[in-house]
Amino acid sequence: MNFKPLGERVLVERLEENTTTASGIIIPDNAKEKPLEGIVKAIGSEVKEVSVNDKVVFGKYSGTEVKLDGKEYLILKLEDVLGVIA
């Protein structure tokens, strides 16, 4: 994949959430919410706060969904990234 976000944007791959609860109940696809965590795959030239492969948390309705090489990604403005998980 050759994709470089412009300016203060980052390309994030969402992390998959568990499909079962702690007690073993299976959650159907239509009842699951989209994950709010992801792994940074590419960063724009003006981004200094995060780097590639950082695990980040972002807002629920943030970003633009794109499909690259058959995988779904999210393009976020840096201000939509709420924090980095250490």
Protein backbone atom coordinates (compact mmCIF):
# COMPACT_ATOMS: atom_id res chain seq x y z
CA MET A 1 0.00 0.00 0.00
CA ASN A 2 1.42 3.36 -1.03
CA PHE A 3 -0.64 5.99 0.75
CA LYS A 4 0.68 9.15 2.41
CA PRO A 5 -1.80 11.37 4.29
CA LEU A 6 -1.42 15.09 3.71
CA GLY A 7 -0.76 17.71 6.38
CA GLU A 8 -1.90 16.84 9.90
CA ARG A 9 -3.71 13.61 9.04
CA VAL A 10 -3.09 9.98 9.99
CA LEU A 11 -4.17 6.70 8.42
CA VAL A 12 -5.52 4.29 11.05
CA GLU A 13 -6.54 0.63 10.85
CA ARG A 14 -9.33 -0.09 13.32
CA LEU A 15 -8.77 -2.83 15.88
CA GLU A 16 -11.34 -5.61 15.97
CA GLU A 17 -13.45 -5.81 19.11
CA ASN A 18 -14.33 -9.06 20.87
CA THR A 19 -17.35 -10.85 19.46
CA THR A 20 -18.22 -12.43 22.80
CA THR A 21 -18.81 -11.03 26.26
CA ALA A 22 -16.87 -12.11 29.34
CA SER A 23 -19.63 -14.60 30.16
CA GLY A 24 -19.49 -16.16 26.67
CA ILE A 25 -22.52 -14.52 25.03
CA ILE A 26 -21.94 -13.98 21.31
CA ILE A 27 -22.60 -10.43 20.10
CA PRO A 28 -24.18 -10.31 16.61
CA ASP A 29 -22.61 -8.04 13.97
CA ASN A 30 -25.59 -5.67 13.85
CA ALA A 31 -25.36 -5.03 17.62
CA LYS A 32 -21.64 -4.24 17.70
CA GLU A 33 -20.31 -0.71 17.68
CA LYS A 34 -17.29 0.23 15.65
CA PRO A 35 -14.07 0.15 17.65
CA LEU A 36 -12.64 3.43 18.91
CA GLU A 37 -9.05 2.19 18.89
CA GLY A 38 -6.67 1.55 16.05
CA ILE A 39 -3.10 1.25 14.85
CA VAL A 40 -1.49 4.13 12.95
CA LYS A 41 -0.36 2.90 9.53
CA ALA A 42 0.82 6.17 7.94
CA ILE A 43 1.27 9.79 9.02
CA GLY A 44 1.28 13.14 7.25
CA SER A 45 4.37 15.32 6.99
CA GLU A 46 3.21 17.75 9.71
CA VAL A 47 2.44 15.10 12.37
CA LYS A 48 4.90 15.02 15.27
CA GLU A 49 2.79 13.66 18.18
CA VAL A 50 2.21 10.11 16.91
CA SER A 51 4.23 7.68 14.84
CA VAL A 52 3.56 4.62 12.71
CA ASN A 53 2.44 1.53 14.71
CA ASP A 54 1.21 3.60 17.69
CA LYS A 55 -2.06 2.36 19.22
CA VAL A 56 -4.43 5.34 19.38
CA VAL A 57 -7.91 6.21 20.63
CA PHE A 58 -10.15 8.44 18.51
CA GLY A 59 -13.63 9.96 18.61
CA LYS A 60 -16.71 7.90 17.80
CA TYR A 61 -17.77 9.81 14.69
CA SER A 62 -14.32 10.97 13.58
CA GLY A 63 -12.59 10.54 10.27
CA THR A 64 -13.32 9.35 6.78
CA GLU A 65 -13.51 5.67 5.92
CA VAL A 66 -11.53 4.52 2.88
CA LYS A 67 -10.77 1.14 1.35
CA LEU A 68 -7.18 0.53 0.20
CA ASP A 69 -5.96 -2.80 -1.17
CA GLY A 70 -9.16 -4.48 0.02
CA LYS A 71 -8.78 -3.34 3.67
CA GLU A 72 -10.78 -0.67 5.44
CA TYR A 73 -8.92 2.26 6.99
CA LEU A 74 -9.82 5.55 8.61
CA ILE A 75 -8.24 8.90 7.74
CA LEU A 76 -8.23 11.13 10.82
CA LYS A 77 -7.22 14.71 11.42
CA LEU A 78 -4.66 14.84 14.20
CA GLU A 79 -7.12 16.78 16.37
CA ASP A 80 -9.50 13.77 16.24
CA VAL A 81 -6.88 11.52 17.84
CA LEU A 82 -7.63 11.64 21.57
CA GLY A 83 -4.52 9.87 22.81
CA VAL A 84 -1.87 7.19 22.43
CA ILE A 85 -2.13 3.94 24.40
CA ALA A 86 1.25 3.02 25.89
